[in-house]
Amino acid sequence: MIGEIRRTLASLYTDETAAAVRVQYGGSVKPGNIRELMAHPQIDGALVGGASLDPEEFALIVTYR
């Protein structure tokens, strides 16, 4: 889906604009999947939902390595 977003931006504007736009993942973000998500070259960040309500879980997400 992120690739489609970038292709649409490139068709509406330019490849440079599409590359410059920061696209964030908005699905289920958990400590167990943050590393894999952020390793994806098209994902620039993540919108953390319910996991942000648990301080320990959120800390694991924002300090992943």
N, C-alpha and C. Protein backbone atom coordinates (compact mmCIF):
# COMPACT_ATOMS: atom_id res chain seq x y z
N MET A 1 0.83 -1.19 0.00
CA MET A 1 0.00 0.00 0.00
C MET A 1 0.88 1.26 0.00
N ILE A 2 1.95 1.22 0.74
CA ILE A 2 2.83 2.39 0.78
C ILE A 2 3.42 2.66 -0.61
N GLY A 3 3.78 1.60 -1.31
CA GLY A 3 4.28 1.75 -2.68
C GLY A 3 3.24 2.41 -3.57
N GLU A 4 1.98 2.04 -3.40
CA GLU A 4 0.91 2.64 -4.19
C GLU A 4 0.75 4.13 -3.86
N ILE A 5 0.88 4.47 -2.59
CA ILE A 5 0.80 5.88 -2.19
C ILE A 5 1.91 6.67 -2.88
N ARG A 6 3.12 6.12 -2.86
CA ARG A 6 4.24 6.83 -3.49
C ARG A 6 4.06 6.92 -5.01
N ARG A 7 3.56 5.86 -5.64
CA ARG A 7 3.32 5.90 -7.09
C ARG A 7 2.27 6.97 -7.43
N THR A 8 1.23 7.05 -6.60
CA THR A 8 0.19 8.06 -6.85
C THR A 8 0.76 9.46 -6.70
N LEU A 9 1.55 9.68 -5.67
CA LEU A 9 2.17 11.00 -5.48
C LEU A 9 3.08 11.34 -6.66
N ALA A 10 3.84 10.35 -7.12
CA ALA A 10 4.74 10.59 -8.25
C ALA A 10 3.96 10.93 -9.51
N SER A 11 2.80 10.29 -9.70
CA SER A 11 2.01 10.59 -10.90
C SER A 11 1.33 11.95 -10.81
N LEU A 12 1.02 12.38 -9.60
CA LEU A 12 0.39 13.69 -9.43
C LEU A 12 1.41 14.82 -9.40
N TYR A 13 2.60 14.53 -8.88
CA TYR A 13 3.63 15.55 -8.71
C TYR A 13 4.91 15.10 -9.43
N THR A 14 5.92 14.77 -8.67
CA THR A 14 7.18 14.29 -9.25
C THR A 14 7.71 13.13 -8.41
N ASP A 15 8.67 12.39 -8.98
CA ASP A 15 9.31 11.31 -8.22
C ASP A 15 10.00 11.87 -6.97
N GLU A 16 10.58 13.05 -7.11
CA GLU A 16 11.28 13.66 -5.98
C GLU A 16 10.31 13.99 -4.85
N THR A 17 9.14 14.50 -5.21
CA THR A 17 8.13 14.80 -4.20
C THR A 17 7.66 13.53 -3.52
N ALA A 18 7.41 12.49 -4.31
CA ALA A 18 6.96 11.21 -3.74
C ALA A 18 7.99 10.66 -2.77
N ALA A 19 9.26 10.79 -3.09
CA ALA A 19 10.33 10.30 -2.22
C ALA A 19 10.47 11.14 -0.96
N ALA A 20 10.14 12.43 -1.06
CA ALA A 20 10.30 13.34 0.08
C ALA A 20 9.17 13.24 1.10
N VAL A 21 7.99 12.77 0.68
CA VAL A 21 6.85 12.66 1.59
C VAL A 21 7.11 11.53 2.58
N ARG A 22 6.88 11.81 3.84
CA ARG A 22 7.06 10.80 4.89
C ARG A 22 5.76 10.04 5.05
N VAL A 23 5.84 8.71 4.87
CA VAL A 23 4.66 7.86 4.98
C VAL A 23 4.81 7.01 6.24
N GLN A 24 3.81 7.08 7.09
CA GLN A 24 3.84 6.34 8.34
C GLN A 24 2.90 5.14 8.28
N TYR A 25 3.34 4.06 8.88
CA TYR A 25 2.52 2.86 8.98
C TYR A 25 1.47 3.07 10.06
N GLY A 26 0.24 2.75 9.78
CA GLY A 26 -0.84 3.00 10.73
C GLY A 26 -1.57 1.75 11.17
N GLY A 27 -0.99 0.58 10.94
CA GLY A 27 -1.63 -0.66 11.37
C GLY A 27 -1.27 -0.99 12.81
N SER A 28 -1.35 -2.24 13.14
CA SER A 28 -1.03 -2.68 14.49
C SER A 28 0.47 -2.60 14.73
N VAL A 29 0.87 -1.74 15.65
CA VAL A 29 2.28 -1.57 15.98
C VAL A 29 2.48 -2.08 17.41
N LYS A 30 3.34 -3.06 17.54
CA LYS A 30 3.62 -3.69 18.84
C LYS A 30 5.13 -3.85 18.99
N PRO A 31 5.59 -4.09 20.22
CA PRO A 31 7.02 -4.33 20.41
C PRO A 31 7.53 -5.51 19.56
N GLY A 32 6.68 -6.49 19.32
CA GLY A 32 7.08 -7.65 18.55
C GLY A 32 7.21 -7.45 17.05
N ASN A 33 6.67 -6.34 16.52
CA ASN A 33 6.75 -6.15 15.06
C ASN A 33 7.39 -4.82 14.65
N ILE A 34 7.75 -3.98 15.60
CA ILE A 34 8.29 -2.65 15.25
C ILE A 34 9.59 -2.75 14.47
N ARG A 35 10.47 -3.66 14.84
CA ARG A 35 11.76 -3.79 14.15
C ARG A 35 11.54 -4.15 12.67
N GLU A 36 10.67 -5.11 12.41
CA GLU A 36 10.39 -5.52 11.04
C GLU A 36 9.74 -4.38 10.24
N LEU A 37 8.80 -3.69 10.86
CA LEU A 37 8.14 -2.58 10.17
C LEU A 37 9.13 -1.48 9.80
N MET A 38 9.96 -1.09 10.75
CA MET A 38 10.88 0.01 10.50
C MET A 38 12.03 -0.38 9.58
N ALA A 39 12.24 -1.67 9.35
CA ALA A 39 13.26 -2.13 8.41
C ALA A 39 12.77 -2.01 6.97
N HIS A 40 11.46 -1.87 6.78
CA HIS A 40 10.91 -1.74 5.44
C HIS A 40 11.33 -0.39 4.86
N PRO A 41 11.94 -0.38 3.68
CA PRO A 41 12.48 0.87 3.13
C PRO A 41 11.43 1.94 2.81
N GLN A 42 10.18 1.55 2.63
CA GLN A 42 9.14 2.52 2.28
C GLN A 42 8.45 3.12 3.52
N ILE A 43 8.69 2.56 4.70
CA ILE A 43 8.01 3.04 5.91
C ILE A 43 8.92 4.05 6.61
N ASP A 44 8.40 5.25 6.84
CA ASP A 44 9.18 6.32 7.46
C ASP A 44 8.88 6.50 8.94
N GLY A 45 7.86 5.87 9.44
CA GLY A 45 7.49 6.01 10.85
C GLY A 45 6.25 5.18 11.13
N ALA A 46 5.78 5.24 12.36
CA ALA A 46 4.62 4.45 12.74
C ALA A 46 3.69 5.27 13.63
N LEU A 47 2.41 5.07 13.43
CA LEU A 47 1.40 5.69 14.28
C LEU A 47 0.99 4.63 15.31
N VAL A 48 1.42 4.80 16.52
CA VAL A 48 1.16 3.81 17.57
C VAL A 48 -0.18 4.12 18.21
N GLY A 49 -1.06 3.14 18.22
CA GLY A 49 -2.39 3.32 18.80
C GLY A 49 -2.45 2.81 20.22
N GLY A 50 -3.17 1.71 20.41
CA GLY A 50 -3.42 1.15 21.73
C GLY A 50 -2.18 0.83 22.53
N ALA A 51 -1.10 0.45 21.85
CA ALA A 51 0.14 0.12 22.54
C ALA A 51 0.71 1.34 23.28
N SER A 52 0.32 2.53 22.88
CA SER A 52 0.83 3.73 23.55
C SER A 52 0.19 3.94 24.91
N LEU A 53 -0.88 3.22 25.19
CA LEU A 53 -1.56 3.36 26.48
C LEU A 53 -0.86 2.59 27.60
N ASP A 54 0.03 1.69 27.22
CA ASP A 54 0.80 0.91 28.20
C ASP A 54 2.23 1.45 28.18
N PRO A 55 2.65 2.15 29.23
CA PRO A 55 3.97 2.80 29.22
C PRO A 55 5.13 1.84 28.94
N GLU A 56 5.08 0.64 29.48
CA GLU A 56 6.18 -0.31 29.26
C GLU A 56 6.20 -0.78 27.80
N GLU A 57 5.04 -1.06 27.25
CA GLU A 57 4.96 -1.49 25.86
C GLU A 57 5.39 -0.37 24.92
N PHE A 58 4.94 0.84 25.20
CA PHE A 58 5.31 1.99 24.37
C PHE A 58 6.81 2.23 24.43
N ALA A 59 7.40 2.11 25.60
CA ALA A 59 8.85 2.30 25.75
C ALA A 59 9.62 1.29 24.89
N LEU A 60 9.14 0.06 24.84
CA LEU A 60 9.79 -0.96 24.00
C LEU A 60 9.70 -0.60 22.53
N ILE A 61 8.60 0.01 22.14
CA ILE A 61 8.43 0.41 20.74
C ILE A 61 9.36 1.55 20.38
N VAL A 62 9.41 2.58 21.19
CA VAL A 62 10.20 3.77 20.83
C VAL A 62 11.71 3.57 21.02
N THR A 63 12.09 2.52 21.73
CA THR A 63 13.53 2.26 21.94
C THR A 63 13.99 0.99 21.23
N TYR A 64 13.21 0.51 20.25
CA TYR A 64 13.59 -0.71 19.53
C TYR A 64 14.97 -0.57 18.91
N ARG A 65 15.62 -1.68 18.75
CA ARG A 65 16.94 -1.72 18.05
C ARG A 65 17.07 -3.02 17.32
